[in-house]
Amino acid sequence: MLIAPRMVPAQTATDALVQGFVAPPDSARPRTWWHWTNGNVTEDGITKDLEWMKRVGIAGFQLRDVASGRGQVVDRKINFGTPEWYHAVLHSAEEAKRLGLEMSIFSSAGWSEAGDRGSSRSRR
């Protein structure tokens, strides 16, 4: 009878690799940009978006408020820097915490970088 003692460790390693693909740790899950375009955001929409991210395996997001783009339009817009906007950001942070999502936020409104003196936009 031929016995291969290395079969058990190899199988265990294969099982661990397969399990890592089936249920990866949060450190290996993707993060995404999450754009709020032209003030078209609602707290209900925030909750639905973040619950969807969690459900499909996204581990976190970077919130970016941009005053451009197309997409769904809401009846009452929440514009950057208003008290309603800050409340919506707080709601996003609370929902991210509830769902165990990593949250980061872009440092300025729009596509420009904060303090970027070298861009063509700042020289106009």
Protein backbone atom coordinates (compact mmCIF):
# COMPACT_ATOMS: atom_id res chain seq x y z
CA MET A 1 0.00 0.00 0.00
CA LEU A 2 1.37 3.42 -0.99
CA ILE A 3 0.76 6.26 1.44
CA ALA A 4 1.47 9.88 0.52
CA PRO A 5 1.83 11.78 3.81
CA ARG A 6 1.91 15.16 2.03
CA MET A 7 -1.61 14.75 0.64
CA VAL A 8 -3.28 15.98 3.82
CA PRO A 9 -1.32 19.27 4.14
CA ALA A 10 -1.69 19.97 0.39
CA GLN A 11 -5.43 19.41 0.63
CA THR A 12 -5.64 21.67 3.68
CA ALA A 13 -3.76 24.41 1.81
CA THR A 14 -6.07 24.03 -1.19
CA ASP A 15 -9.13 24.22 1.06
CA ALA A 16 -7.79 27.39 2.68
CA LEU A 17 -7.16 28.95 -0.74
CA VAL A 18 -10.65 28.07 -1.94
CA GLN A 19 -12.15 29.40 1.29
CA GLY A 20 -10.19 32.64 0.82
CA PHE A 21 -11.88 33.14 -2.55
CA VAL A 22 -15.33 32.20 -1.25
CA ALA A 23 -15.12 34.40 1.85
CA PRO A 24 -12.15 36.77 1.59
CA PRO A 25 -11.12 38.84 4.61
CA ASP A 26 -12.10 42.53 4.55
CA SER A 27 -8.48 43.44 3.81
CA ALA A 28 -8.79 41.67 0.44
CA ARG A 29 -12.24 42.99 -0.51
CA PRO A 30 -12.55 45.88 -2.98
CA ARG A 31 -13.22 49.51 -2.13
CA THR A 32 -15.00 51.86 -4.51
CA TRP A 33 -15.55 55.52 -5.31
CA TRP A 34 -19.08 56.60 -4.48
CA HIS A 35 -20.10 59.78 -6.32
CA TRP A 36 -22.86 62.13 -5.27
CA THR A 37 -23.60 64.01 -8.51
CA ASN A 38 -25.17 67.45 -8.70
CA GLY A 39 -26.76 67.19 -5.25
CA ASN A 40 -28.86 64.19 -6.29
CA VAL A 41 -28.70 62.32 -2.99
CA THR A 42 -31.22 61.30 -0.33
CA GLU A 43 -30.80 59.58 3.02
CA ASP A 44 -32.96 56.69 1.82
CA GLY A 45 -30.74 56.38 -1.26
CA ILE A 46 -27.62 56.48 0.92
CA THR A 47 -28.89 53.59 3.03
CA LYS A 48 -29.88 51.55 -0.04
CA ASP A 49 -26.52 52.16 -1.76
CA LEU A 50 -24.49 51.20 1.30
CA GLU A 51 -26.60 48.11 2.03
CA TRP A 52 -26.08 47.03 -1.59
CA MET A 53 -22.31 47.57 -1.28
CA LYS A 54 -22.23 45.36 1.82
CA ARG A 55 -24.43 42.72 0.21
CA VAL A 56 -22.20 42.35 -2.89
CA GLY A 57 -18.96 42.19 -0.91
CA ILE A 58 -17.54 45.72 -1.16
CA ALA A 59 -15.58 46.53 2.01
CA GLY A 60 -15.57 50.31 1.81
CA PHE A 61 -15.91 53.45 -0.23
CA GLN A 62 -14.55 56.92 -0.83
CA LEU A 63 -17.33 59.50 -0.91
CA ARG A 64 -16.84 62.10 -3.66
CA ASP A 65 -19.24 64.99 -4.15
CA VAL A 66 -19.08 66.20 -7.73
CA ALA A 67 -21.02 69.04 -9.31
CA SER A 68 -21.19 67.32 -12.67
CA GLY A 69 -22.42 64.16 -14.29
CA ARG A 70 -25.72 62.59 -15.08
CA GLY A 71 -27.88 59.97 -13.51
CA GLN A 72 -30.91 59.76 -11.34
CA VAL A 73 -32.43 63.10 -10.31
CA VAL A 74 -34.08 63.59 -6.93
CA ASP A 75 -36.83 66.10 -6.13
CA ARG A 76 -34.90 67.95 -3.42
CA LYS A 77 -31.17 68.22 -4.04
CA ILE A 78 -28.63 68.31 -1.23
CA ASN A 79 -25.85 70.66 -2.30
CA PHE A 80 -22.24 70.54 -1.14
CA GLY A 81 -21.44 72.37 2.09
CA THR A 82 -25.01 73.01 3.22
CA PRO A 83 -26.24 71.88 6.66
CA GLU A 84 -28.29 69.19 4.86
CA TRP A 85 -25.15 67.99 3.10
CA TYR A 86 -23.25 67.65 6.39
CA HIS A 87 -26.21 65.75 7.83
CA ALA A 88 -26.18 63.40 4.80
CA VAL A 89 -22.44 62.80 5.28
CA LEU A 90 -23.06 62.04 8.97
CA HIS A 91 -25.86 59.65 7.96
CA SER A 92 -23.43 57.95 5.55
CA ALA A 93 -20.83 57.55 8.32
CA GLU A 94 -23.41 56.13 10.71
CA GLU A 95 -24.67 53.69 8.06
CA ALA A 96 -21.10 52.69 7.15
CA LYS A 97 -20.38 51.95 10.80
CA ARG A 98 -23.63 49.97 11.16
CA LEU A 99 -22.73 47.87 8.11
CA GLY A 100 -19.03 47.50 8.93
CA LEU A 101 -17.89 49.42 5.83
CA GLU A 102 -14.70 51.47 5.65
CA MET A 103 -15.46 55.11 4.76
CA SER A 104 -13.21 57.84 3.47
CA ILE A 105 -14.13 61.18 1.96
CA PHE A 106 -12.59 63.30 -0.78
CA SER A 107 -11.11 66.58 0.43
CA SER A 108 -12.97 68.98 -1.87
CA ALA A 109 -16.06 69.37 -4.00
CA GLY A 110 -15.70 68.48 -7.66
CA TRP A 111 -12.77 66.98 -9.48
CA SER A 112 -10.03 69.35 -8.33
CA GLU A 113 -7.56 68.48 -5.60
CA ALA A 114 -7.44 70.71 -2.54
CA GLY A 115 -4.42 73.01 -2.71
CA ASP A 116 -3.38 71.89 -6.20
CA ARG A 117 -1.66 74.97 -7.64
CA GLY A 118 -0.31 73.11 -10.66
CA SER A 119 -3.61 72.28 -12.35
CA SER A 120 -4.81 74.15 -15.41
CA ARG A 121 -8.04 74.93 -13.59
CA SER A 122 -6.26 76.96 -10.90
CA ARG A 123 -4.37 79.05 -13.51
CA ARG A 124 -7.48 80.23 -15.34
